[in-house]
N, C-alpha and C. Protein backbone atom coordinates (compact mmCIF):
# COMPACT_ATOMS: atom_id res chain seq x y z
N UNK A 1 -9.31 14.63 -10.24
CA UNK A 1 -9.19 13.34 -9.51
C UNK A 1 -10.63 12.71 -9.74
N UNK A 2 -10.55 11.36 -10.04
CA UNK A 2 -11.80 10.60 -10.21
C UNK A 2 -12.63 10.55 -8.97
N UNK A 3 -13.93 10.53 -9.19
CA UNK A 3 -14.73 10.45 -7.90
C UNK A 3 -14.52 9.10 -7.21
N UNK A 4 -14.68 9.14 -5.81
CA UNK A 4 -14.43 7.84 -5.19
C UNK A 4 -15.65 7.06 -5.38
N UNK A 5 -15.40 5.75 -5.27
CA UNK A 5 -16.59 4.70 -5.33
C UNK A 5 -16.96 4.37 -3.92
N UNK A 6 -18.15 3.80 -3.71
CA UNK A 6 -18.69 3.46 -2.46
C UNK A 6 -19.11 1.96 -2.64
N UNK A 7 -18.68 1.27 -1.61
CA UNK A 7 -18.92 -0.21 -1.55
C UNK A 7 -19.52 -0.65 -0.21
N UNK A 8 -20.43 -1.57 -0.30
CA UNK A 8 -21.00 -2.02 0.94
C UNK A 8 -20.13 -3.11 1.56
N UNK A 9 -19.92 -2.99 2.97
CA UNK A 9 -19.19 -3.83 3.71
C UNK A 9 -20.01 -4.39 4.83
N UNK A 10 -20.43 -5.55 4.73
CA UNK A 10 -21.27 -6.30 5.81
C UNK A 10 -20.47 -6.74 6.99
N UNK A 11 -21.06 -6.40 8.22
CA UNK A 11 -20.49 -7.03 9.43
C UNK A 11 -21.70 -7.56 10.21
N UNK A 12 -21.33 -8.55 11.06
CA UNK A 12 -22.31 -8.85 12.06
C UNK A 12 -21.77 -8.13 13.33
N UNK A 13 -22.55 -8.19 14.48
CA UNK A 13 -22.09 -7.64 15.78
C UNK A 13 -20.79 -8.13 16.09
N UNK A 14 -20.61 -9.48 15.98
CA UNK A 14 -19.38 -10.12 16.33
C UNK A 14 -18.11 -9.72 15.43
N UNK A 15 -18.32 -9.66 14.18
CA UNK A 15 -17.19 -9.48 13.19
C UNK A 15 -16.85 -7.92 13.38
N UNK A 16 -17.89 -7.03 13.67
CA UNK A 16 -17.46 -5.61 13.87
C UNK A 16 -16.63 -5.49 15.12
N UNK A 17 -17.05 -6.17 16.21
CA UNK A 17 -16.23 -6.10 17.47
C UNK A 17 -14.80 -6.69 17.18
N UNK A 18 -14.69 -7.78 16.41
CA UNK A 18 -13.44 -8.30 16.14
C UNK A 18 -12.50 -7.41 15.28
N UNK A 19 -13.23 -6.77 14.28
CA UNK A 19 -12.51 -5.79 13.42
C UNK A 19 -11.93 -4.76 14.37
N UNK A 20 -12.66 -4.10 15.27
CA UNK A 20 -12.36 -3.07 16.13
C UNK A 20 -11.26 -3.50 17.11
N UNK A 21 -11.27 -4.69 17.69
CA UNK A 21 -10.26 -5.15 18.55
C UNK A 21 -8.91 -5.46 17.87
N UNK A 22 -8.97 -5.70 16.53
CA UNK A 22 -7.80 -5.95 15.81
C UNK A 22 -7.12 -4.57 15.34
N UNK A 23 -7.78 -3.47 15.85
CA UNK A 23 -7.25 -2.17 15.43
C UNK A 23 -8.01 -1.31 14.39
N UNK A 24 -9.12 -1.95 13.87
CA UNK A 24 -9.71 -1.20 12.84
C UNK A 24 -8.97 -0.80 11.56
N UNK A 25 -7.98 -1.60 11.23
CA UNK A 25 -7.19 -1.27 10.09
C UNK A 25 -7.20 -2.23 8.86
N UNK A 26 -7.96 -3.34 9.06
CA UNK A 26 -7.98 -4.36 7.92
C UNK A 26 -9.38 -4.75 7.80
N UNK A 27 -9.96 -4.67 6.64
CA UNK A 27 -11.24 -5.17 6.31
C UNK A 27 -11.14 -6.39 5.37
N UNK A 28 -11.95 -7.45 5.55
CA UNK A 28 -11.75 -8.66 4.84
C UNK A 28 -13.04 -9.20 4.26
N UNK A 29 -12.94 -9.85 3.22
CA UNK A 29 -14.04 -10.59 2.54
C UNK A 29 -13.69 -11.92 2.23
N UNK A 30 -14.76 -12.73 1.89
CA UNK A 30 -14.59 -14.15 1.58
C UNK A 30 -13.75 -14.36 0.32
N UNK A 31 -13.04 -15.48 0.35
CA UNK A 31 -12.13 -15.71 -0.86
C UNK A 31 -12.90 -15.69 -2.29
N UNK A 32 -14.19 -16.11 -2.18
CA UNK A 32 -15.00 -16.12 -3.37
C UNK A 32 -15.24 -14.68 -3.90
N UNK A 33 -15.06 -13.64 -3.05
CA UNK A 33 -15.23 -12.28 -3.48
C UNK A 33 -14.05 -11.61 -3.98
N UNK A 34 -12.92 -12.25 -4.16
CA UNK A 34 -11.61 -11.73 -4.51
C UNK A 34 -11.75 -10.83 -5.78
N UNK A 35 -12.45 -11.42 -6.78
CA UNK A 35 -12.58 -10.63 -8.15
C UNK A 35 -13.23 -9.28 -7.82
N UNK A 36 -14.29 -9.20 -7.00
CA UNK A 36 -14.88 -7.86 -6.62
C UNK A 36 -13.98 -6.98 -5.90
N UNK A 37 -13.24 -7.63 -4.82
CA UNK A 37 -12.38 -6.97 -3.93
C UNK A 37 -11.38 -6.22 -4.79
N UNK A 38 -10.75 -6.87 -5.90
CA UNK A 38 -9.77 -6.26 -6.73
C UNK A 38 -10.14 -5.04 -7.56
N UNK A 39 -11.51 -4.79 -7.54
CA UNK A 39 -12.02 -3.57 -8.31
C UNK A 39 -11.93 -2.34 -7.36
N UNK A 40 -11.73 -2.54 -6.09
CA UNK A 40 -11.82 -1.45 -5.01
C UNK A 40 -10.45 -0.77 -5.15
N UNK A 41 -10.44 0.60 -5.09
CA UNK A 41 -9.33 1.38 -5.25
C UNK A 41 -8.99 2.17 -3.95
N UNK A 42 -7.72 2.49 -3.82
CA UNK A 42 -7.31 3.51 -2.63
C UNK A 42 -8.17 4.72 -2.85
N UNK A 43 -8.69 5.15 -1.69
CA UNK A 43 -9.53 6.29 -1.62
C UNK A 43 -11.06 6.11 -1.68
N UNK A 44 -11.32 4.83 -2.12
CA UNK A 44 -12.84 4.35 -2.08
C UNK A 44 -13.34 4.32 -0.62
N UNK A 45 -14.58 4.52 -0.47
CA UNK A 45 -15.27 4.27 0.91
C UNK A 45 -15.99 3.01 0.98
N UNK A 46 -15.78 2.26 2.10
CA UNK A 46 -16.52 1.04 2.46
C UNK A 46 -17.58 1.55 3.46
N UNK A 47 -18.84 1.29 3.15
CA UNK A 47 -20.00 1.69 3.93
C UNK A 47 -20.26 0.42 4.82
N UNK A 48 -20.05 0.55 6.08
CA UNK A 48 -20.20 -0.55 7.06
C UNK A 48 -21.60 -0.72 7.59
N UNK A 49 -22.17 -1.87 7.27
CA UNK A 49 -23.52 -2.12 7.64
C UNK A 49 -23.53 -3.26 8.53
N UNK A 50 -24.30 -3.19 9.60
CA UNK A 50 -24.44 -4.19 10.63
C UNK A 50 -25.71 -5.04 10.34
N UNK A 51 -25.42 -6.26 9.94
CA UNK A 51 -26.67 -7.11 9.68
C UNK A 51 -27.41 -7.40 11.02
N UNK A 52 -28.46 -7.95 10.99
CA UNK A 52 -29.19 -8.38 12.23
C UNK A 52 -29.91 -7.09 12.72
N UNK A 53 -29.36 -5.89 12.89
CA UNK A 53 -30.00 -4.74 13.34
C UNK A 53 -30.24 -3.75 12.18
N UNK A 54 -29.74 -4.07 11.06
CA UNK A 54 -29.97 -3.28 9.77
C UNK A 54 -29.64 -1.83 10.07
N UNK A 55 -28.38 -1.56 10.44
CA UNK A 55 -27.77 -0.18 10.63
C UNK A 55 -26.51 0.03 10.02
N UNK A 56 -26.40 1.27 9.54
CA UNK A 56 -24.93 1.66 9.07
C UNK A 56 -24.18 2.06 10.26
N UNK A 57 -22.90 1.60 10.44
CA UNK A 57 -22.26 1.66 11.69
C UNK A 57 -20.80 2.38 11.39
N UNK A 58 -20.43 2.64 10.13
CA UNK A 58 -19.21 3.39 9.95
C UNK A 58 -18.80 3.48 8.41
N UNK A 59 -17.80 4.19 8.32
CA UNK A 59 -17.30 4.42 6.90
C UNK A 59 -15.70 4.22 7.01
N UNK A 60 -15.21 3.37 6.18
CA UNK A 60 -13.72 3.10 6.08
C UNK A 60 -13.30 3.53 4.83
N UNK A 61 -12.23 4.30 4.87
CA UNK A 61 -11.49 4.77 3.58
C UNK A 61 -10.32 3.67 3.28
N UNK A 62 -10.40 3.20 2.02
CA UNK A 62 -9.39 2.25 1.68
C UNK A 62 -8.05 2.92 1.43
N UNK A 63 -6.98 2.31 2.05
CA UNK A 63 -5.59 2.94 1.97
C UNK A 63 -4.66 1.98 1.34
N UNK A 64 -5.04 0.86 0.79
CA UNK A 64 -4.11 0.03 0.19
C UNK A 64 -4.75 -0.75 -1.09
N UNK A 65 -3.82 -1.24 -1.90
CA UNK A 65 -4.47 -2.17 -2.87
C UNK A 65 -4.87 -3.49 -2.18
N UNK A 66 -5.81 -4.29 -2.88
CA UNK A 66 -6.11 -5.54 -2.28
C UNK A 66 -5.03 -6.55 -2.16
N UNK A 67 -5.17 -7.32 -1.10
CA UNK A 67 -4.17 -8.40 -0.92
C UNK A 67 -4.85 -9.70 -0.21
N UNK A 68 -4.08 -10.70 -0.28
CA UNK A 68 -4.69 -11.93 0.41
C UNK A 68 -3.81 -12.18 1.56
N UNK A 69 -4.55 -12.54 2.58
CA UNK A 69 -3.81 -12.84 3.89
C UNK A 69 -4.83 -13.67 4.72
N UNK A 70 -4.29 -14.65 5.49
CA UNK A 70 -5.12 -15.45 6.25
C UNK A 70 -4.79 -15.29 7.77
N UNK A 71 -4.03 -14.22 8.08
CA UNK A 71 -3.73 -13.94 9.46
C UNK A 71 -5.03 -13.76 10.32
N UNK A 72 -5.01 -14.37 11.53
CA UNK A 72 -6.38 -14.31 12.36
C UNK A 72 -6.76 -12.94 12.61
N UNK A 73 -7.79 -12.55 12.29
CA UNK A 73 -8.63 -11.33 12.86
C UNK A 73 -9.85 -11.73 13.37
N UNK A 74 -10.68 -12.46 12.56
CA UNK A 74 -12.05 -12.89 12.83
C UNK A 74 -11.91 -14.46 13.36
N UNK A 75 -12.69 -14.80 14.34
CA UNK A 75 -12.67 -16.13 14.87
C UNK A 75 -13.28 -17.15 14.07
N UNK A 76 -14.47 -16.96 13.40
CA UNK A 76 -15.14 -17.99 12.73
C UNK A 76 -14.91 -18.14 11.18
N UNK A 77 -14.23 -17.12 10.69
CA UNK A 77 -13.80 -17.14 9.18
C UNK A 77 -12.58 -16.33 9.01
N UNK A 78 -11.89 -16.64 7.93
CA UNK A 78 -10.67 -16.02 7.56
C UNK A 78 -10.86 -14.69 6.89
N UNK A 79 -11.78 -14.55 6.04
CA UNK A 79 -12.03 -13.38 5.22
C UNK A 79 -10.60 -12.92 4.64
N UNK A 80 -10.00 -13.85 3.75
CA UNK A 80 -8.64 -13.64 3.23
C UNK A 80 -8.53 -12.55 2.11
N UNK A 81 -9.61 -12.05 1.55
CA UNK A 81 -9.50 -11.02 0.52
C UNK A 81 -9.55 -9.70 1.19
N UNK A 82 -8.44 -9.00 1.42
CA UNK A 82 -8.32 -7.91 2.39
C UNK A 82 -7.78 -6.63 1.76
N UNK A 83 -8.17 -5.54 2.57
CA UNK A 83 -7.71 -4.14 2.19
C UNK A 83 -7.37 -3.47 3.47
N UNK A 84 -6.35 -2.73 3.40
CA UNK A 84 -6.08 -1.82 4.54
C UNK A 84 -7.03 -0.67 4.58
N UNK A 85 -7.45 -0.21 5.64
CA UNK A 85 -8.46 0.87 5.79
C UNK A 85 -8.13 1.87 6.88
N UNK A 86 -8.85 2.97 6.85
CA UNK A 86 -8.62 4.00 7.89
C UNK A 86 -10.10 4.35 8.19
N UNK A 87 -10.50 4.26 9.39
CA UNK A 87 -11.83 4.70 9.75
C UNK A 87 -12.13 6.22 9.54
N UNK A 88 -13.12 6.48 9.01
CA UNK A 88 -13.63 7.91 8.80
C UNK A 88 -14.65 8.20 9.90
N UNK A 89 -15.66 7.27 10.02
CA UNK A 89 -16.65 7.21 11.06
C UNK A 89 -16.83 5.94 11.65
N UNK A 90 -16.94 5.81 13.00
CA UNK A 90 -17.15 4.54 13.69
C UNK A 90 -18.18 4.85 14.82
N UNK A 91 -19.38 4.25 14.59
CA UNK A 91 -20.44 4.51 15.52
C UNK A 91 -20.55 3.10 16.39
N UNK A 92 -21.41 3.16 17.38
CA UNK A 92 -21.65 1.98 18.08
C UNK A 92 -23.07 1.38 17.55
N UNK A 93 -23.31 0.13 17.86
CA UNK A 93 -24.61 -0.44 17.42
C UNK A 93 -25.76 0.37 17.87
N UNK A 94 -25.56 1.02 19.03
CA UNK A 94 -26.84 1.73 19.56
C UNK A 94 -26.98 3.15 18.84
N UNK A 95 -25.72 3.70 18.36
CA UNK A 95 -25.88 5.01 17.63
C UNK A 95 -25.94 4.92 16.10
N UNK A 96 -25.74 3.66 15.66
CA UNK A 96 -25.52 3.44 14.22
C UNK A 96 -26.96 3.82 13.56
N UNK A 97 -26.90 4.21 12.33
CA UNK A 97 -28.10 4.77 11.58
C UNK A 97 -28.93 3.59 11.01
N UNK A 98 -30.19 3.37 11.45
CA UNK A 98 -31.05 2.49 10.94
C UNK A 98 -31.31 2.71 9.37
N UNK A 99 -31.20 1.72 8.50
CA UNK A 99 -31.30 1.91 7.17
C UNK A 99 -32.60 2.47 6.76
N UNK A 100 -33.82 2.08 7.49
CA UNK A 100 -34.97 2.60 7.13
C UNK A 100 -35.18 4.09 7.34
N UNK A 101 -34.32 4.62 8.20
CA UNK A 101 -34.37 6.09 8.21
C UNK A 101 -33.83 6.90 7.09
N UNK A 102 -33.27 6.10 6.18
CA UNK A 102 -32.67 6.66 4.88
C UNK A 102 -33.43 6.30 3.76
N UNK A 103 -34.69 5.63 3.87
CA UNK A 103 -35.45 5.09 2.78
C UNK A 103 -35.81 6.25 1.78
N UNK A 104 -36.08 7.52 2.18
CA UNK A 104 -36.31 8.55 1.35
C UNK A 104 -35.13 9.07 0.46
N UNK A 105 -34.00 8.53 0.78
CA UNK A 105 -32.70 9.12 0.16
C UNK A 105 -32.05 8.01 -0.64
N UNK A 106 -32.40 6.78 -0.42
CA UNK A 106 -31.76 5.67 -1.25
C UNK A 106 -32.46 5.15 -2.41
N UNK A 107 -31.83 5.00 -3.52
CA UNK A 107 -32.54 4.64 -4.76
C UNK A 107 -33.28 3.26 -4.75
N UNK A 108 -32.66 2.34 -3.93
CA UNK A 108 -33.27 1.06 -3.89
C UNK A 108 -34.70 0.86 -3.19
N UNK A 109 -35.02 1.97 -2.50
CA UNK A 109 -36.32 2.00 -1.92
C UNK A 109 -37.36 2.46 -2.78
N UNK A 110 -36.99 2.88 -3.95
CA UNK A 110 -38.05 3.55 -5.00
C UNK A 110 -38.72 2.33 -5.76
N UNK A 111 -40.03 2.54 -5.94
CA UNK A 111 -40.73 1.54 -6.77
C UNK A 111 -40.50 0.04 -6.33
N UNK A 112 -40.59 -0.17 -5.08
CA UNK A 112 -40.42 -1.48 -4.51
C UNK A 112 -41.65 -2.44 -5.02
N UNK A 113 -41.34 -3.59 -5.46
CA UNK A 113 -42.31 -4.62 -5.90
C UNK A 113 -42.94 -5.22 -4.69
N UNK A 114 -42.16 -5.27 -3.47
CA UNK A 114 -42.67 -5.78 -2.27
C UNK A 114 -41.92 -5.02 -1.21
N UNK A 115 -42.55 -4.97 0.12
CA UNK A 115 -41.92 -4.17 1.08
C UNK A 115 -40.42 -4.54 1.49
N UNK A 116 -40.13 -5.78 1.10
CA UNK A 116 -38.78 -6.19 1.65
C UNK A 116 -37.82 -6.41 0.53
N UNK A 117 -38.17 -6.00 -0.77
CA UNK A 117 -37.27 -6.10 -1.81
C UNK A 117 -35.94 -5.40 -1.64
N UNK A 118 -35.96 -4.31 -0.85
CA UNK A 118 -34.65 -3.65 -0.57
C UNK A 118 -33.61 -4.44 -0.01
N UNK A 119 -33.98 -5.48 0.81
CA UNK A 119 -32.92 -6.23 1.51
C UNK A 119 -32.03 -7.02 0.60
N UNK A 120 -32.40 -7.22 -0.67
CA UNK A 120 -31.54 -7.69 -1.69
C UNK A 120 -30.27 -7.00 -1.79
N UNK A 121 -30.26 -5.79 -1.49
CA UNK A 121 -29.02 -4.93 -1.53
C UNK A 121 -28.04 -5.21 -0.53
N UNK A 122 -28.38 -6.07 0.48
CA UNK A 122 -27.51 -6.40 1.62
C UNK A 122 -27.26 -7.75 1.77
N UNK A 123 -27.24 -8.51 0.75
CA UNK A 123 -26.95 -10.01 0.77
C UNK A 123 -25.52 -10.42 0.59
N UNK A 124 -24.65 -9.57 0.19
CA UNK A 124 -23.25 -9.78 -0.07
C UNK A 124 -22.36 -8.65 -0.10
N UNK A 125 -21.13 -8.86 0.27
CA UNK A 125 -20.20 -7.63 0.16
C UNK A 125 -18.80 -8.12 -0.32
N UNK A 126 -17.95 -7.28 -0.98
CA UNK A 126 -18.33 -5.94 -1.27
C UNK A 126 -19.28 -5.80 -2.48
N UNK A 127 -20.19 -4.96 -2.36
CA UNK A 127 -21.01 -4.55 -3.45
C UNK A 127 -20.96 -3.11 -3.84
N UNK A 128 -20.58 -2.75 -5.03
CA UNK A 128 -20.51 -1.38 -5.45
C UNK A 128 -21.86 -0.63 -5.46
N UNK A 129 -21.93 0.49 -4.75
CA UNK A 129 -23.14 1.21 -4.74
C UNK A 129 -23.08 2.44 -5.72
N UNK A 130 -24.24 3.05 -6.04
CA UNK A 130 -24.13 4.22 -6.90
C UNK A 130 -23.75 5.32 -6.07
N UNK A 131 -23.16 6.46 -6.60
CA UNK A 131 -22.54 7.44 -5.99
C UNK A 131 -23.63 8.25 -5.02
N UNK A 132 -24.78 8.49 -5.58
CA UNK A 132 -25.85 9.22 -4.80
C UNK A 132 -26.13 8.51 -3.60
N UNK A 133 -26.24 7.29 -3.63
CA UNK A 133 -26.61 6.37 -2.42
C UNK A 133 -25.47 6.40 -1.46
N UNK A 134 -24.29 6.23 -2.08
CA UNK A 134 -23.09 6.30 -1.13
C UNK A 134 -22.96 7.66 -0.37
N UNK A 135 -23.19 8.75 -1.12
CA UNK A 135 -23.12 10.10 -0.49
C UNK A 135 -24.21 10.28 0.56
N UNK A 136 -25.44 9.75 0.28
CA UNK A 136 -26.52 9.81 1.31
C UNK A 136 -26.10 9.14 2.61
N UNK A 137 -25.57 8.01 2.40
CA UNK A 137 -25.13 7.22 3.75
C UNK A 137 -24.00 7.93 4.39
N UNK A 138 -23.12 8.44 3.55
CA UNK A 138 -22.04 9.08 4.23
C UNK A 138 -22.37 10.40 5.06
N UNK A 139 -23.35 11.11 4.33
CA UNK A 139 -23.83 12.36 5.05
C UNK A 139 -24.56 11.95 6.37
N UNK A 140 -25.36 10.89 6.19
CA UNK A 140 -26.19 10.43 7.42
C UNK A 140 -25.16 9.99 8.48
N UNK A 141 -24.09 9.45 8.18
CA UNK A 141 -23.13 9.00 9.35
C UNK A 141 -22.32 10.07 9.85
N UNK A 142 -22.07 11.14 9.15
CA UNK A 142 -21.34 12.23 9.63
C UNK A 142 -22.35 13.09 10.60
């Protein structure tokens, strides 16, 4: 079997709550990200990252092919490029893992040109991550 891929999935505190209230079964992305979403395969992991507090809050396993849907889940945006998912790990904002706790394990913290260069990794989602970074986050969340 091919190794799974790891993808960053960005949430705000509000969109994480809305995702959970809707049953934690559908993750969505902006329409402009459809091309990237189509590269995600069943069995891949979405690494859920809470913006604002810079913490990893969960892991979702993709359980469907990508699809388009505008059914309301999130109040402020549609995020119509969607995937069915199954939660593997779901933490709370209080117990979520601060990204800086993983700086010794994640490749994008190596050889930084400035102390904040790493934040470029968290500007859009889905973004495919290298396997060793994905495994480091997965291990930390378990």
